[in-house]
């Protein structure tokens, strides 16, 4: 039963992705990497909880566990760009989605 459900979801999501694929030009804020990382800690008390590497650059997710604010950045050693910010973050690791 589980295999059928996974196969069904795969077919559904691949059909949707093919039908609605598009490229977006989203404006982002970029600055000196150390300046942005320092500001996230000092101004928003956000700390990195995840980091990853892809396409020759790095990504990191910063979260303030008290307020729930979060920021996702993409960065190199010199420049960081804020890809998204928000509120009401929740750590879901280990929970079923």
PDB file of N, CA and C in Angstrom:
ATOM      1  N   UNK A   1       0.829  -1.196   0.000  1.00  0.00           N
ATOM      2  CA  UNK A   1       0.000   0.000   0.000  1.00  0.00           C
ATOM      3  C   UNK A   1       0.869   1.254   0.000  1.00  0.00           C
ATOM      4  N   UNK A   2       1.918   1.226   0.841  1.00  0.00           N
ATOM      5  CA  UNK A   2       2.807   2.395   0.930  1.00  0.00           C
ATOM      6  C   UNK A   2       3.504   2.642  -0.405  1.00  0.00           C
ATOM      7  N   UNK A   3       3.926   1.558  -1.087  1.00  0.00           N
ATOM      8  CA  UNK A   3       4.588   1.687  -2.378  1.00  0.00           C
ATOM      9  C   UNK A   3       3.649   2.328  -3.396  1.00  0.00           C
ATOM     10  N   UNK A   4       2.391   1.921  -3.377  1.00  0.00           N
ATOM     11  CA  UNK A   4       1.409   2.506  -4.286  1.00  0.00           C
ATOM     12  C   UNK A   4       1.241   3.998  -4.009  1.00  0.00           C
ATOM     13  N   UNK A   5       1.153   4.376  -2.737  1.00  0.00           N
ATOM     14  CA  UNK A   5       0.971   5.787  -2.371  1.00  0.00           C
ATOM     15  C   UNK A   5       2.162   6.621  -2.828  1.00  0.00           C
ATOM     16  N   UNK A   6       3.374   6.111  -2.634  1.00  0.00           N
ATOM     17  CA  UNK A   6       4.576   6.832  -3.050  1.00  0.00           C
ATOM     18  C   UNK A   6       4.601   6.974  -4.570  1.00  0.00           C
ATOM     19  N   UNK A   7       4.272   5.911  -5.276  1.00  0.00           N
ATOM     20  CA  UNK A   7       4.255   5.967  -6.745  1.00  0.00           C
ATOM     21  C   UNK A   7       3.207   6.959  -7.238  1.00  0.00           C
ATOM     22  N   UNK A   8       2.047   6.968  -6.600  1.00  0.00           N
ATOM     23  CA  UNK A   8       0.990   7.908  -6.973  1.00  0.00           C
ATOM     24  C   UNK A   8       1.443   9.352  -6.754  1.00  0.00           C
ATOM     25  N   UNK A   9       2.034   9.625  -5.604  1.00  0.00           N
ATOM     26  CA  UNK A   9       2.506  10.974  -5.316  1.00  0.00           C
ATOM     27  C   UNK A   9       3.602  11.403  -6.283  1.00  0.00           C
ATOM     28  N   UNK A  10       4.496  10.480  -6.636  1.00  0.00           N
ATOM     29  CA  UNK A  10       5.550  10.789  -7.594  1.00  0.00           C
ATOM     30  C   UNK A  10       4.957  11.177  -8.938  1.00  0.00           C
ATOM     31  N   UNK A  11       3.990  10.408  -9.410  1.00  0.00           N
ATOM     32  CA  UNK A  11       3.345  10.719 -10.700  1.00  0.00           C
ATOM     33  C   UNK A  11       2.627  12.057 -10.644  1.00  0.00           C
ATOM     34  N   UNK A  12       1.954  12.314  -9.546  1.00  0.00           N
ATOM     35  CA  UNK A  12       1.217  13.560  -9.390  1.00  0.00           C
ATOM     36  C   UNK A  12       2.162  14.756  -9.377  1.00  0.00           C
ATOM     37  N   UNK A  13       3.231  14.683  -8.592  1.00  0.00           N
ATOM     38  CA  UNK A  13       4.140  15.827  -8.498  1.00  0.00           C
ATOM     39  C   UNK A  13       4.931  16.022  -9.782  1.00  0.00           C
ATOM     40  N   UNK A  14       5.314  14.950 -10.460  1.00  0.00           N
ATOM     41  CA  UNK A  14       6.055  15.134 -11.709  1.00  0.00           C
ATOM     42  C   UNK A  14       5.165  15.737 -12.790  1.00  0.00           C
ATOM     43  N   UNK A  15       3.891  15.405 -12.814  1.00  0.00           N
ATOM     44  CA  UNK A  15       2.973  15.999 -13.783  1.00  0.00           C
ATOM     45  C   UNK A  15       2.766  17.476 -13.509  1.00  0.00           C
ATOM     46  N   UNK A  16       2.599  17.818 -12.249  1.00  0.00           N
ATOM     47  CA  UNK A  16       2.408  19.215 -11.876  1.00  0.00           C
ATOM     48  C   UNK A  16       3.658  20.020 -12.201  1.00  0.00           C
ATOM     49  N   UNK A  17       4.819  19.476 -11.877  1.00  0.00           N
ATOM     50  CA  UNK A  17       6.066  20.199 -12.124  1.00  0.00           C
ATOM     51  C   UNK A  17       6.275  20.449 -13.613  1.00  0.00           C
ATOM     52  N   UNK A  18       5.971  19.477 -14.443  1.00  0.00           N
ATOM     53  CA  UNK A  18       6.138  19.645 -15.880  1.00  0.00           C
ATOM     54  C   UNK A  18       5.162  20.658 -16.448  1.00  0.00           C
ATOM     55  N   UNK A  19       3.969  20.685 -15.935  1.00  0.00           N
ATOM     56  CA  UNK A  19       2.943  21.573 -16.474  1.00  0.00           C
ATOM     57  C   UNK A  19       3.145  23.016 -16.042  1.00  0.00           C
ATOM     58  N   UNK A  20       3.783  23.255 -14.891  1.00  0.00           N
ATOM     59  CA  UNK A  20       3.843  24.603 -14.353  1.00  0.00           C
ATOM     60  C   UNK A  20       5.267  25.128 -14.163  1.00  0.00           C
ATOM     61  N   UNK A  21       6.214  24.561 -14.828  1.00  0.00           N
ATOM     62  CA  UNK A  21       7.596  24.990 -14.664  1.00  0.00           C
ATOM     63  C   UNK A  21       7.818  26.361 -15.303  1.00  0.00           C
ATOM     64  N   UNK A  22       8.503  27.247 -14.570  1.00  0.00           N
ATOM     65  CA  UNK A  22       8.832  28.557 -15.107  1.00  0.00           C
ATOM     66  C   UNK A  22      10.051  29.113 -14.377  1.00  0.00           C
ATOM     67  N   UNK A  23      10.672  30.103 -14.952  1.00  0.00           N
ATOM     68  CA  UNK A  23      11.828  30.751 -14.342  1.00  0.00           C
ATOM     69  C   UNK A  23      11.393  32.099 -13.803  1.00  0.00           C
ATOM     70  N   UNK A  24      11.875  32.429 -12.612  1.00  0.00           N
ATOM     71  CA  UNK A  24      11.512  33.683 -11.965  1.00  0.00           C
ATOM     72  C   UNK A  24      12.766  34.503 -11.703  1.00  0.00           C
ATOM     73  N   UNK A  25      12.670  35.785 -11.858  1.00  0.00           N
ATOM     74  CA  UNK A  25      13.770  36.696 -11.530  1.00  0.00           C
ATOM     75  C   UNK A  25      13.403  37.431 -10.255  1.00  0.00           C
ATOM     76  N   UNK A  26      13.773  36.841  -9.128  1.00  0.00           N
ATOM     77  CA  UNK A  26      13.435  37.389  -7.824  1.00  0.00           C
ATOM     78  C   UNK A  26      14.559  38.310  -7.366  1.00  0.00           C
ATOM     79  N   UNK A  27      14.235  39.547  -6.998  1.00  0.00           N
ATOM     80  CA  UNK A  27      15.286  40.426  -6.477  1.00  0.00           C
ATOM     81  C   UNK A  27      15.741  39.949  -5.086  1.00  0.00           C
ATOM     82  N   UNK A  28      17.034  40.004  -4.848  1.00  0.00           N
ATOM     83  CA  UNK A  28      17.597  39.614  -3.551  1.00  0.00           C
ATOM     84  C   UNK A  28      18.535  40.708  -3.058  1.00  0.00           C
ATOM     85  N   UNK A  29      18.725  40.747  -1.753  1.00  0.00           N
ATOM     86  CA  UNK A  29      19.646  41.713  -1.140  1.00  0.00           C
ATOM     87  C   UNK A  29      20.985  41.015  -0.918  1.00  0.00           C
ATOM     88  N   UNK A  30      22.063  41.613  -1.413  1.00  0.00           N
ATOM     89  CA  UNK A  30      23.404  41.052  -1.259  1.00  0.00           C
ATOM     90  C   UNK A  30      24.324  42.098  -0.634  1.00  0.00           C
ATOM     91  N   UNK A  31      25.315  41.624   0.128  1.00  0.00           N
ATOM     92  CA  UNK A  31      26.292  42.510   0.754  1.00  0.00           C
ATOM     93  C   UNK A  31      27.490  41.666   1.160  1.00  0.00           C
ATOM     94  N   UNK A  32      28.412  42.264   1.841  1.00  0.00           N
ATOM     95  CA  UNK A  32      29.576  41.560   2.374  1.00  0.00           C
ATOM     96  C   UNK A  32      29.103  40.403   3.254  1.00  0.00           C
ATOM     97  N   UNK A  33      29.648  39.210   3.030  1.00  0.00           N
ATOM     98  CA  UNK A  33      29.195  38.013   3.738  1.00  0.00           C
ATOM     99  C   UNK A  33      29.326  38.149   5.251  1.00  0.00           C
ATOM    100  N   UNK A  34      30.472  38.616   5.725  1.00  0.00           N
ATOM    101  CA  UNK A  34      30.667  38.742   7.171  1.00  0.00           C
ATOM    102  C   UNK A  34      29.702  39.755   7.783  1.00  0.00           C
ATOM    103  N   UNK A  35      29.422  40.813   7.042  1.00  0.00           N
ATOM    104  CA  UNK A  35      28.493  41.844   7.518  1.00  0.00           C
ATOM    105  C   UNK A  35      27.075  41.277   7.693  1.00  0.00           C
ATOM    106  N   UNK A  36      26.605  40.511   6.715  1.00  0.00           N
ATOM    107  CA  UNK A  36      25.269  39.930   6.795  1.00  0.00           C
ATOM    108  C   UNK A  36      25.193  38.893   7.907  1.00  0.00           C
ATOM    109  N   UNK A  37      26.162  38.005   7.988  1.00  0.00           N
ATOM    110  CA  UNK A  37      26.149  36.962   9.018  1.00  0.00           C
ATOM    111  C   UNK A  37      26.207  37.580  10.413  1.00  0.00           C
ATOM    112  N   UNK A  38      27.021  38.615  10.579  1.00  0.00           N
ATOM    113  CA  UNK A  38      27.110  39.302  11.869  1.00  0.00           C
ATOM    114  C   UNK A  38      25.784  39.982  12.217  1.00  0.00           C
ATOM    115  N   UNK A  39      25.147  40.621  11.242  1.00  0.00           N
ATOM    116  CA  UNK A  39      23.873  41.308  11.475  1.00  0.00           C
ATOM    117  C   UNK A  39      22.767  40.327  11.863  1.00  0.00           C
ATOM    118  N   UNK A  40      22.755  39.142  11.253  1.00  0.00           N
ATOM    119  CA  UNK A  40      21.743  38.148  11.603  1.00  0.00           C
ATOM    120  C   UNK A  40      21.859  37.753  13.071  1.00  0.00           C
ATOM    121  N   UNK A  41      23.085  37.635  13.561  1.00  0.00           N
ATOM    122  CA  UNK A  41      23.299  37.286  14.965  1.00  0.00           C
ATOM    123  C   UNK A  41      23.020  38.437  15.912  1.00  0.00           C
ATOM    124  N   UNK A  42      23.540  39.612  15.588  1.00  0.00           N
ATOM    125  CA  UNK A  42      23.419  40.754  16.504  1.00  0.00           C
ATOM    126  C   UNK A  42      22.031  41.399  16.468  1.00  0.00           C
ATOM    127  N   UNK A  43      21.452  41.581  15.305  1.00  0.00           N
ATOM    128  CA  UNK A  43      20.176  42.291  15.187  1.00  0.00           C
ATOM    129  C   UNK A  43      18.957  41.398  15.376  1.00  0.00           C
ATOM    130  N   UNK A  44      19.067  40.132  14.967  1.00  0.00           N
ATOM    131  CA  UNK A  44      17.908  39.245  15.000  1.00  0.00           C
ATOM    132  C   UNK A  44      18.111  38.028  15.909  1.00  0.00           C
ATOM    133  N   UNK A  45      19.301  37.898  16.459  1.00  0.00           N
ATOM    134  CA  UNK A  45      19.669  36.768  17.322  1.00  0.00           C
ATOM    135  C   UNK A  45      19.404  35.426  16.644  1.00  0.00           C
ATOM    136  N   UNK A  46      19.602  35.402  15.321  1.00  0.00           N
ATOM    137  CA  UNK A  46      19.452  34.165  14.570  1.00  0.00           C
ATOM    138  C   UNK A  46      20.797  33.451  14.504  1.00  0.00           C
ATOM    139  N   UNK A  47      20.732  32.136  14.645  1.00  0.00           N
ATOM    140  CA  UNK A  47      21.938  31.309  14.597  1.00  0.00           C
ATOM    141  C   UNK A  47      21.778  30.278  13.478  1.00  0.00           C
ATOM    142  N   UNK A  48      22.899  29.916  12.827  1.00  0.00           N
ATOM    143  CA  UNK A  48      22.802  28.925  11.757  1.00  0.00           C
ATOM    144  C   UNK A  48      22.477  27.543  12.330  1.00  0.00           C
ATOM    145  N   UNK A  49      21.468  26.891  11.741  1.00  0.00           N
ATOM    146  CA  UNK A  49      21.129  25.527  12.177  1.00  0.00           C
ATOM    147  C   UNK A  49      21.341  24.510  11.064  1.00  0.00           C
ATOM    148  N   UNK A  50      21.584  25.000   9.852  1.00  0.00           N
ATOM    149  CA  UNK A  50      21.810  24.114   8.718  1.00  0.00           C
ATOM    150  C   UNK A  50      22.713  24.817   7.715  1.00  0.00           C
ATOM    151  N   UNK A  51      23.563  24.053   7.055  1.00  0.00           N
ATOM    152  CA  UNK A  51      24.415  24.583   5.990  1.00  0.00           C
ATOM    153  C   UNK A  51      24.580  23.503   4.926  1.00  0.00           C
ATOM    154  N   UNK A  52      24.701  23.947   3.689  1.00  0.00           N
ATOM    155  CA  UNK A  52      24.899  23.023   2.583  1.00  0.00           C
ATOM    156  C   UNK A  52      25.666  23.693   1.460  1.00  0.00           C
ATOM    157  N   UNK A  53      26.202  22.878   0.565  1.00  0.00           N
ATOM    158  CA  UNK A  53      26.975  23.390  -0.563  1.00  0.00           C
ATOM    159  C   UNK A  53      26.342  22.903  -1.857  1.00  0.00           C
ATOM    160  N   UNK A  54      26.288  23.805  -2.837  1.00  0.00           N
ATOM    161  CA  UNK A  54      25.762  23.431  -4.144  1.00  0.00           C
ATOM    162  C   UNK A  54      26.132  24.461  -5.180  1.00  0.00           C
ATOM    163  N   UNK A  55      26.417  23.993  -6.389  1.00  0.00           N
ATOM    164  CA  UNK A  55      26.725  24.859  -7.521  1.00  0.00           C
ATOM    165  C   UNK A  55      27.830  25.870  -7.217  1.00  0.00           C
ATOM    166  N   UNK A  56      28.867  25.450  -6.508  1.00  0.00           N
ATOM    167  CA  UNK A  56      30.010  26.315  -6.236  1.00  0.00           C
ATOM    168  C   UNK A  56      29.765  27.397  -5.205  1.00  0.00           C
ATOM    169  N   UNK A  57      28.693  27.301  -4.454  1.00  0.00           N
ATOM    170  CA  UNK A  57      28.375  28.287  -3.430  1.00  0.00           C
ATOM    171  C   UNK A  57      27.825  27.561  -2.204  1.00  0.00           C
ATOM    172  N   UNK A  58      27.630  28.291  -1.141  1.00  0.00           N
ATOM    173  CA  UNK A  58      27.114  27.692   0.093  1.00  0.00           C
ATOM    174  C   UNK A  58      25.759  28.309   0.435  1.00  0.00           C
ATOM    175  N   UNK A  59      24.971  27.567   1.194  1.00  0.00           N
ATOM    176  CA  UNK A  59      23.669  28.014   1.663  1.00  0.00           C
ATOM    177  C   UNK A  59      23.606  27.776   3.165  1.00  0.00           C
ATOM    178  N   UNK A  60      22.836  28.603   3.868  1.00  0.00           N
ATOM    179  CA  UNK A  60      22.667  28.395   5.299  1.00  0.00           C
ATOM    180  C   UNK A  60      21.301  28.914   5.746  1.00  0.00           C
ATOM    181  N   UNK A  61      20.737  28.222   6.723  1.00  0.00           N
ATOM    182  CA  UNK A  61      19.467  28.617   7.322  1.00  0.00           C
ATOM    183  C   UNK A  61      19.750  29.079   8.747  1.00  0.00           C
ATOM    184  N   UNK A  62      19.346  30.313   9.054  1.00  0.00           N
ATOM    185  CA  UNK A  62      19.510  30.903  10.374  1.00  0.00           C
ATOM    186  C   UNK A  62      18.131  30.987  11.033  1.00  0.00           C
ATOM    187  N   UNK A  63      18.053  30.629  12.323  1.00  0.00           N
ATOM    188  CA  UNK A  63      16.775  30.670  13.034  1.00  0.00           C
ATOM    189  C   UNK A  63      16.966  31.255  14.429  1.00  0.00           C
ATOM    190  N   UNK A  64      15.987  32.053  14.856  1.00  0.00           N
ATOM    191  CA  UNK A  64      15.889  32.494  16.241  1.00  0.00           C
ATOM    192  C   UNK A  64      14.839  31.595  16.882  1.00  0.00           C
ATOM    193  N   UNK A  65      15.256  30.690  17.771  1.00  0.00           N
ATOM    194  CA  UNK A  65      14.340  29.719  18.367  1.00  0.00           C
ATOM    195  C   UNK A  65      13.306  30.373  19.267  1.00  0.00           C
ATOM    196  N   UNK A  66      13.612  31.558  19.798  1.00  0.00           N
ATOM    197  CA  UNK A  66      12.677  32.240  20.697  1.00  0.00           C
ATOM    198  C   UNK A  66      11.567  32.941  19.932  1.00  0.00           C
ATOM    199  N   UNK A  67      11.938  33.731  18.910  1.00  0.00           N
ATOM    200  CA  UNK A  67      10.942  34.509  18.166  1.00  0.00           C
ATOM    201  C   UNK A  67      10.384  33.764  16.958  1.00  0.00           C
ATOM    202  N   UNK A  68      11.095  32.752  16.485  1.00  0.00           N
ATOM    203  CA  UNK A  68      10.663  32.007  15.299  1.00  0.00           C
ATOM    204  C   UNK A  68      11.088  32.638  13.986  1.00  0.00           C
ATOM    205  N   UNK A  69      11.832  33.753  14.030  1.00  0.00           N
ATOM    206  CA  UNK A  69      12.279  34.374  12.781  1.00  0.00           C
ATOM    207  C   UNK A  69      13.322  33.487  12.108  1.00  0.00           C
ATOM    208  N   UNK A  70      13.393  33.576  10.784  1.00  0.00           N
ATOM    209  CA  UNK A  70      14.361  32.784  10.032  1.00  0.00           C
ATOM    210  C   UNK A  70      14.838  33.544   8.802  1.00  0.00           C
ATOM    211  N   UNK A  71      16.044  33.195   8.350  1.00  0.00           N
ATOM    212  CA  UNK A  71      16.653  33.777   7.151  1.00  0.00           C
ATOM    213  C   UNK A  71      17.430  32.688   6.422  1.00  0.00           C
ATOM    214  N   UNK A  72      17.266  32.614   5.106  1.00  0.00           N
ATOM    215  CA  UNK A  72      18.062  31.706   4.275  1.00  0.00           C
ATOM    216  C   UNK A  72      19.000  32.564   3.442  1.00  0.00           C
ATOM    217  N   UNK A  73      20.296  32.227   3.498  1.00  0.00           N
ATOM    218  CA  UNK A  73      21.271  32.978   2.703  1.00  0.00           C
ATOM    219  C   UNK A  73      22.042  32.043   1.782  1.00  0.00           C
ATOM    220  N   UNK A  74      22.532  32.618   0.703  1.00  0.00           N
ATOM    221  CA  UNK A  74      23.466  31.961  -0.206  1.00  0.00           C
ATOM    222  C   UNK A  74      24.723  32.797  -0.149  1.00  0.00           C
ATOM    223  N   UNK A  75      25.892  32.155   0.012  1.00  0.00           N
ATOM    224  CA  UNK A  75      27.087  32.958   0.213  1.00  0.00           C
ATOM    225  C   UNK A  75      28.361  32.301  -0.298  1.00  0.00           C
ATOM    226  N   UNK A  76      29.344  33.150  -0.552  1.00  0.00           N
ATOM    227  CA  UNK A  76      30.717  32.742  -0.821  1.00  0.00           C
ATOM    228  C   UNK A  76      31.550  33.350   0.308  1.00  0.00           C
ATOM    229  N   UNK A  77      32.852  33.308   0.193  1.00  0.00           N
ATOM    230  CA  UNK A  77      33.675  33.911   1.236  1.00  0.00           C
ATOM    231  C   UNK A  77      33.548  35.429   1.243  1.00  0.00           C
ATOM    232  N   UNK A  78      33.181  36.021   0.109  1.00  0.00           N
ATOM    233  CA  UNK A  78      33.101  37.480   0.031  1.00  0.00           C
ATOM    234  C   UNK A  78      31.678  38.044   0.108  1.00  0.00           C
ATOM    235  N   UNK A  79      30.730  37.407  -0.547  1.00  0.00           N
ATOM    236  CA  UNK A  79      29.387  37.976  -0.712  1.00  0.00           C
ATOM    237  C   UNK A  79      28.319  37.018  -0.200  1.00  0.00           C
ATOM    238  N   UNK A  80      27.286  37.580   0.451  1.00  0.00           N
ATOM    239  CA  UNK A  80      26.120  36.797   0.871  1.00  0.00           C
ATOM    240  C   UNK A  80      24.868  37.465   0.325  1.00  0.00           C
ATOM    241  N   UNK A  81      23.908  36.657  -0.083  1.00  0.00           N
ATOM    242  CA  UNK A  81      22.623  37.158  -0.567  1.00  0.00           C
ATOM    243  C   UNK A  81      21.510  36.523   0.262  1.00  0.00           C
ATOM    244  N   UNK A  82      20.553  37.345   0.671  1.00  0.00           N
ATOM    245  CA  UNK A  82      19.420  36.866   1.448  1.00  0.00           C
ATOM    246  C   UNK A  82      18.359  36.371   0.473  1.00  0.00           C
ATOM    247  N   UNK A  83      18.086  35.076   0.511  1.00  0.00           N
ATOM    248  CA  UNK A  83      17.132  34.471  -0.410  1.00  0.00           C
ATOM    249  C   UNK A  83      15.708  34.498   0.119  1.00  0.00           C
ATOM    250  N   UNK A  84      15.575  34.534   1.442  1.00  0.00           N
ATOM    251  CA  UNK A  84      14.244  34.547   2.027  1.00  0.00           C
ATOM    252  C   UNK A  84      14.301  34.821   3.511  1.00  0.00           C
ATOM    253  N   UNK A  85      13.252  35.447   4.027  1.00  0.00           N
ATOM    254  CA  UNK A  85      13.117  35.714   5.462  1.00  0.00           C
ATOM    255  C   UNK A  85      11.669  35.429   5.855  1.00  0.00           C
ATOM    256  N   UNK A  86      11.457  35.168   7.144  1.00  0.00           N
ATOM    257  CA  UNK A  86      10.097  34.924   7.576  1.00  0.00           C
ATOM    258  C   UNK A  86       9.989  34.758   9.076  1.00  0.00           C
ATOM    259  N   UNK A  87       8.834  34.265   9.481  1.00  0.00           N
ATOM    260  CA  UNK A  87       8.549  34.082  10.900  1.00  0.00           C
ATOM    261  C   UNK A  87       7.880  32.725  11.105  1.00  0.00           C
ATOM    262  N   UNK A  88       7.572  32.428  12.326  1.00  0.00           N
ATOM    263  CA  UNK A  88       6.868  31.203  12.705  1.00  0.00           C
ATOM    264  C   UNK A  88       7.585  29.939  12.236  1.00  0.00           C
ATOM    265  N   UNK A  89       8.917  29.923  12.362  1.00  0.00           N
ATOM    266  CA  UNK A  89       9.659  28.718  11.992  1.00  0.00           C
ATOM    267  C   UNK A  89       9.414  27.622  13.016  1.00  0.00           C
ATOM    268  N   UNK A  90       9.542  26.400  12.551  1.00  0.00           N
ATOM    269  CA  UNK A  90       9.333  25.240  13.409  1.00  0.00           C
ATOM    270  C   UNK A  90      10.282  24.141  12.944  1.00  0.00           C
ATOM    271  N   UNK A  91      11.048  23.602  13.843  1.00  0.00           N
ATOM    272  CA  UNK A  91      11.934  22.505  13.515  1.00  0.00           C
ATOM    273  C   UNK A  91      11.073  21.250  13.376  1.00  0.00           C
ATOM    274  N   UNK A  92      11.078  20.633  12.205  1.00  0.00           N
ATOM    275  CA  UNK A  92      10.221  19.480  11.954  1.00  0.00           C
ATOM    276  C   UNK A  92      11.014  18.197  11.768  1.00  0.00           C
ATOM    277  N   UNK A  93      12.297  18.228  11.979  1.00  0.00           N
ATOM    278  CA  UNK A  93      13.139  17.045  11.824  1.00  0.00           C
ATOM    279  C   UNK A  93      12.597  15.924  12.691  1.00  0.00           C
ATOM    280  N   UNK A  94      12.330  14.814  12.088  1.00  0.00           N
ATOM    281  CA  UNK A  94      11.820  13.670  12.825  1.00  0.00           C
ATOM    282  C   UNK A  94      10.305  13.596  12.830  1.00  0.00           C
ATOM    283  N   UNK A  95       9.627  14.672  12.465  1.00  0.00           N
ATOM    284  CA  UNK A  95       8.165  14.645  12.386  1.00  0.00           C
ATOM    285  C   UNK A  95       7.744  14.223  10.995  1.00  0.00           C
ATOM    286  N   UNK A  96       6.587  13.642  10.895  1.00  0.00           N
ATOM    287  CA  UNK A  96       6.058  13.278   9.581  1.00  0.00           C
ATOM    288  C   UNK A  96       5.443  14.502   8.941  1.00  0.00           C
ATOM    289  N   UNK A  97       5.708  14.655   7.669  1.00  0.00           N
ATOM    290  CA  UNK A  97       5.169  15.807   6.928  1.00  0.00           C
ATOM    291  C   UNK A  97       3.915  15.383   6.198  1.00  0.00           C
TER     292      UNK A  97
END
